Protein backbone atom coordinates (compact mmCIF):
# COMPACT_ATOMS: atom_id res chain seq x y z
CA MET A 1 152.29 104.46 72.91
CA LYS A 2 149.70 107.19 72.52
CA LEU A 3 146.19 106.33 73.72
CA LYS A 4 143.27 107.71 71.72
CA SER A 5 140.73 107.65 74.51
CA VAL A 6 141.24 108.53 78.15
CA LEU A 7 140.78 105.67 80.59
CA SER A 8 140.60 106.55 84.29
CA VAL A 9 142.96 105.00 86.81
CA ALA A 10 140.03 103.04 88.18
CA ALA A 11 139.20 101.68 84.74
CA ILE A 12 142.80 100.62 84.14
CA LEU A 13 142.86 98.83 87.49
CA ALA A 14 139.58 97.16 86.56
CA ILE A 15 141.19 95.85 83.37
CA ALA A 16 144.11 94.40 85.28
CA LEU A 17 141.99 92.84 88.03
CA SER A 18 138.96 91.61 86.10
CA SER A 19 139.99 88.00 85.52
CA GLU A 20 136.38 87.11 84.85
CA LEU A 21 136.37 89.14 81.64
CA LEU A 22 139.97 88.75 80.55
CA GLY A 23 139.88 85.02 81.07
CA ASN A 24 136.53 84.51 79.37
CA PRO A 25 136.93 82.83 75.95
CA GLY A 26 133.70 84.52 74.89
CA LEU A 27 135.54 87.85 74.93
CA SER A 28 136.92 87.12 71.48
CA GLU A 29 133.50 86.30 69.98
CA THR A 30 132.64 89.56 68.25
CA THR A 31 130.06 89.93 65.49
CA TYR A 32 129.65 93.31 63.86
CA LYS A 33 126.14 94.30 62.79
CA PRO A 34 126.17 96.74 59.83
CA PRO A 35 124.05 99.91 59.97
CA LYS A 36 120.34 99.30 59.61
CA ARG A 37 119.75 102.70 58.03
CA PRO A 38 120.10 103.09 54.26
CA ALA A 39 123.58 104.02 53.08
CA PRO A 40 124.10 107.46 51.54
CA GLN A 41 123.36 107.57 47.82
CA ARG A 42 126.58 107.73 45.82
CA THR A 43 127.11 110.96 43.93
CA SER A 44 129.19 109.16 41.31
CA LEU A 45 130.25 105.66 40.37
CA GLY A 46 133.06 104.37 42.51
CA GLY A 47 136.42 103.46 41.05
CA GLY A 48 137.94 100.02 40.89
CA ARG A 49 140.38 98.68 43.45
CA PRO A 50 142.56 101.55 44.74
CA LEU A 51 145.89 101.83 42.97
CA GLU A 52 149.12 101.08 44.73
CA VAL A 53 150.90 104.09 46.17
CA GLY A 54 153.37 105.13 43.47
CA CYS A 55 156.22 105.79 45.90
CA ALA A 56 155.56 102.79 48.14
CA ASP A 57 158.40 100.47 49.12
CA SER A 58 158.26 97.55 46.69
CA ASN A 59 159.34 95.05 49.37
CA GLN A 60 155.94 94.94 51.08
CA GLU A 61 152.84 92.95 50.25
CA ILE A 62 150.19 95.65 50.77
CA LYS A 63 151.05 98.83 48.87
CA GLN A 64 147.61 100.45 49.06
CA ILE A 65 146.19 102.76 51.72
CA VAL A 66 143.54 100.76 53.57
CA PRO A 67 141.10 102.44 55.98
CA LEU A 68 140.08 99.98 58.68
CA ILE A 69 136.42 99.79 57.71
CA PRO A 70 134.44 96.63 56.93
CA ASN A 71 135.13 94.88 53.62
CA TYR A 72 137.42 97.56 52.24
CA LEU A 73 139.97 94.99 51.09
CA ASN A 74 137.23 93.34 49.01
CA ILE A 75 136.77 96.22 46.58
CA PRO A 76 136.02 94.81 43.10
CA GLU A 77 138.64 95.22 40.42
CA SER A 78 136.39 96.94 37.87
CA VAL A 79 134.73 100.33 38.00
CA GLU A 80 131.40 98.86 36.89
CA GLU A 81 131.25 96.35 39.75
CA ASN A 82 132.24 98.76 42.50
CA SER A 83 128.92 100.37 43.34
CA LYS A 84 129.42 99.82 47.07
CA THR A 85 129.14 102.65 49.56
CA TYR A 86 131.44 102.26 52.56
CA TYR A 87 129.30 103.46 55.44
CA ASP A 88 129.49 102.90 59.21
CA LEU A 89 128.28 104.49 62.44
CA THR A 90 129.74 106.09 65.54
CA ILE A 91 128.33 107.49 68.75
CA SER A 92 131.40 109.69 69.27
CA GLU A 93 131.47 113.43 68.64
CA TYR A 94 135.08 112.98 67.52
CA PRO A 95 135.72 109.47 66.23
CA THR A 96 139.22 108.25 65.54
CA LEU A 97 139.89 107.09 61.99
CA TRP A 98 142.22 104.08 61.75
CA VAL A 99 144.08 103.40 58.53
CA TYR A 100 146.86 101.16 57.26
CA LEU A 101 149.61 103.12 55.51
CA PRO A 102 152.30 101.36 53.46
CA LYS A 103 155.93 102.38 53.84
CA SER A 104 156.81 104.94 51.19
CA ASP A 105 159.24 107.66 50.17
CA ALA A 106 156.60 110.32 50.85
CA GLN A 107 156.86 112.67 53.79
CA MET A 108 153.22 113.70 54.18
CA GLY A 109 149.74 112.25 54.09
CA GLU A 110 146.45 114.12 53.83
CA LEU A 111 142.96 113.70 55.28
CA VAL A 112 139.93 115.23 53.61
CA LEU A 113 136.63 115.35 55.53
CA ARG A 114 133.43 116.66 53.97
CA ILE A 115 129.80 116.88 55.07
CA PHE A 116 127.22 115.25 52.79
CA THR A 117 123.92 117.09 52.86
CA GLU A 118 121.20 118.78 50.75
CA ASP A 119 120.85 122.36 49.58
CA GLU A 120 117.64 124.37 49.74
CA GLN A 121 116.44 122.76 46.52
CA GLY A 122 116.97 119.26 47.90
CA ARG A 123 120.01 118.57 45.74
CA LYS A 124 122.79 116.40 47.19
CA ILE A 125 125.93 118.42 47.90
CA ASP A 126 129.03 118.05 50.00
CA LYS A 127 130.95 120.80 51.75
CA SER A 128 134.49 120.81 53.06
CA ILE A 129 134.98 120.42 56.80
CA LEU A 130 138.68 119.63 56.92
CA ARG A 131 141.68 119.24 54.65
CA ARG A 132 144.74 118.61 56.78
CA GLN A 133 148.16 117.08 56.22
CA PHE A 134 150.11 114.92 58.65
CA PRO A 135 153.69 113.55 58.73
CA LEU A 136 153.99 109.90 57.77
CA PRO A 137 155.68 107.18 59.84
CA ASN A 138 158.88 105.59 58.55
CA GLN A 139 157.38 102.10 58.43
CA ALA A 140 154.20 100.39 57.32
CA GLY A 141 151.46 99.95 59.89
CA VAL A 142 148.11 101.03 61.28
CA VAL A 143 147.89 104.67 62.39
CA SER A 144 145.24 106.86 63.97
CA LEU A 145 143.78 110.14 62.78
CA ASP A 146 141.93 111.58 65.75
CA LEU A 147 139.29 114.13 64.76
CA ALA A 148 139.44 115.52 68.30
CA ASP A 149 142.88 116.90 67.39
CA ALA A 150 141.77 118.43 64.09
CA GLY A 151 140.30 121.69 65.39
CA ILE A 152 136.80 121.12 64.01
CA GLU A 153 133.33 121.26 65.52
CA PRO A 154 131.90 117.98 66.87
CA LEU A 155 130.22 115.83 64.25
CA ALA A 156 126.54 116.68 64.02
CA PRO A 157 124.22 113.79 64.85
CA ASN A 158 122.17 112.13 62.10
CA THR A 159 124.33 113.72 59.41
CA PHE A 160 126.44 111.98 56.78
CA TYR A 161 130.13 112.77 56.42
CA TRP A 162 132.72 111.24 54.13
CA TYR A 163 136.48 111.17 54.26
CA SER A 164 139.40 110.04 52.13
CA ILE A 165 143.08 109.62 52.94
CA SER A 166 146.02 110.17 50.61
CA ILE A 167 149.77 109.70 50.59
CA LEU A 168 151.41 112.67 48.85
CA CYS A 169 154.15 111.11 46.74
CA ASP A 170 154.43 114.17 44.51
CA PRO A 171 152.39 117.30 45.27
CA LEU A 172 152.74 118.33 41.61
CA ASP A 173 151.76 114.98 40.10
CA GLN A 174 148.77 113.44 41.86
CA SER A 175 148.80 110.37 39.59
CA GLU A 176 151.44 108.83 41.87
CA ASN A 177 149.54 109.55 45.07
CA GLY A 178 147.63 106.72 46.70
CA LYS A 179 144.07 107.63 47.71
CA THR A 180 141.25 105.76 49.41
CA GLU A 181 137.68 105.41 48.27
CA LYS A 182 135.20 107.70 50.01
CA ALA A 183 134.26 106.29 53.42
CA PHE A 184 130.97 107.60 54.80
CA LEU A 185 130.28 107.86 58.51
CA GLU A 186 127.38 109.05 60.60
CA ARG A 187 127.20 109.98 64.25
CA VAL A 188 123.99 108.73 65.85
CA THR A 189 122.51 108.99 69.32
CA PRO A 190 122.30 105.54 70.90
CA SER A 191 119.19 104.26 72.60
CA THR A 192 118.83 105.09 76.29
CA ALA A 193 119.25 101.44 77.24
CA PHE A 194 122.41 101.00 75.18
CA GLY A 195 123.88 104.27 76.44
CA GLN A 196 123.37 103.12 80.03
CA GLN A 197 124.90 99.75 79.21
CA ILE A 198 128.01 101.41 77.81
CA PHE A 199 128.23 103.80 80.76
CA ASN A 200 128.21 100.91 83.24
CA ALA A 201 130.50 98.57 81.27
CA LEU A 202 134.13 97.88 82.04
CA PRO A 203 136.51 98.84 79.22
CA THR A 204 137.12 95.13 78.57
CA ALA A 205 133.45 94.65 77.68
CA LEU A 206 133.19 97.53 75.20
CA PRO A 207 134.66 95.76 72.13
CA ARG A 208 131.88 93.17 72.29
CA LEU A 209 129.08 95.65 73.10
CA TYR A 210 129.78 98.26 70.43
CA PRO A 211 129.65 95.87 67.43
CA GLN A 212 126.20 94.64 68.48
CA GLY A 213 124.98 98.19 69.04
CA ASP A 214 121.26 98.88 69.22
CA ASP A 215 118.42 99.43 66.72
CA ASN A 216 120.76 101.59 64.63
CA GLY A 217 123.11 98.65 64.08
CA GLY A 218 126.66 98.26 65.35
CA PHE A 219 129.01 101.16 66.02
CA TRP A 220 132.13 100.33 64.02
CA TYR A 221 134.39 103.27 64.86
CA ASP A 222 133.76 102.82 68.59
CA THR A 223 134.32 99.07 68.31
CA ILE A 224 137.73 99.29 66.76
CA SER A 225 138.92 102.20 68.92
CA SER A 226 137.88 100.48 72.15
CA LEU A 227 139.71 97.29 71.17
CA ILE A 228 142.86 99.11 70.06
CA ASP A 229 142.88 101.07 73.33
CA LEU A 230 142.95 97.78 75.23
CA ARG A 231 145.67 96.33 73.00
CA GLN A 232 147.81 99.43 73.57
CA LEU A 233 147.43 99.02 77.32
CA GLN A 234 148.12 95.28 77.21
CA PRO A 235 150.22 94.52 74.11
CA ASN A 236 151.06 91.00 75.34
CA ASN A 237 147.50 89.92 76.13
CA SER A 238 146.79 86.88 73.93
CA ASP A 239 143.01 87.10 74.44
CA LEU A 240 142.97 90.62 73.05
CA GLU A 241 145.19 89.54 70.16
CA THR A 242 142.73 86.77 69.33
CA GLN A 243 139.82 89.18 69.54
CA TRP A 244 141.63 91.58 67.21
CA GLN A 245 142.20 88.87 64.62
CA ASP A 246 138.61 87.63 64.91
CA LEU A 247 137.21 91.13 64.46
CA LEU A 248 139.31 91.90 61.39
CA GLU A 249 138.57 88.51 59.85
CA SER A 250 134.83 89.04 60.35
CA VAL A 251 134.91 92.23 58.26
CA GLY A 252 137.34 91.12 55.55
CA LEU A 253 140.48 92.80 56.93
CA LEU A 254 142.42 89.77 58.19
CA GLU A 255 145.41 90.69 56.00
CA LEU A 256 146.02 93.63 58.33
CA ALA A 257 145.88 91.67 61.59
CA GLU A 258 149.67 91.34 61.90
CA GLN A 259 150.43 94.96 61.00
CA PRO A 260 151.88 96.97 63.91
CA LEU A 261 149.94 99.74 65.63
CA LEU A 262 152.12 102.82 65.19
CA ASP A 263 152.26 105.89 67.40
CA CYS A 264 151.21 108.26 64.64
CA CYS A 265 149.85 110.70 63.36
CA GLU A 266 149.51 114.33 64.44
CA PHE A 267 147.92 116.88 62.13
CA GLU A 268 149.81 119.92 60.89
CA GLN A 269 148.62 123.11 62.56
CA GLN A 270 147.04 124.68 59.50
CA ASP A 271 144.61 123.39 56.92
CA THR A 272 146.06 122.84 53.50
CA PRO A 273 144.52 124.99 50.72
CA GLN A 274 141.04 123.93 49.65
CA PRO A 275 140.56 122.59 46.12
């Protein structure tokens, strides 16, 4: 299984030997605090609930692409009701994006990443950072898209980005392609006290420190990556399994708790043509 963050040998030994943390029932008590900063202003009205992927296997319950971000499974059915902006924080220069992909007949998926900023006249614009395809797994499950492998500059702090993920059922007929809503993210610099706390923490403590965060709010992308890293190291650890279920339930993603974590996906070497 591919690990998306590098843990030192000492840290791995600490995980195995730290019975105080691994045996502590409080480890599974995770509450995510949403960002305290205002969300980015939407440039257009959001759509209704994302359509099922046209080429998805019909013998599965979830046929949509679901980014693992809070409350994404609770998107309203109608266009008029869906004015929500999906927005969360990270302290990482290169966060990993986690997404559930249904099984489908498609061969490729696509990630689009854009920066959301203002021009010289103060008008809201977005500019392309990345448009990259990746081979799809042959089963449904949760996969990782690691921006550290995408060949881009580190995310700039205090800057809004948004991304969407597609499954390319038919490159010539996009109506069949599944596509996510825009998900906004922002890299922020943590407080000195929180940064020191993270630096000194064992890996087992990170999934309950990141969601509490600091005065910015919780750091969602770091929360979920730190917990998945532990689950990949210890797939049979029942405490981590409980913590995983509790975290997903707390942000409206419990339906994904039993989906497997797949060793996927690597980006193609070249960007796909820009629109």
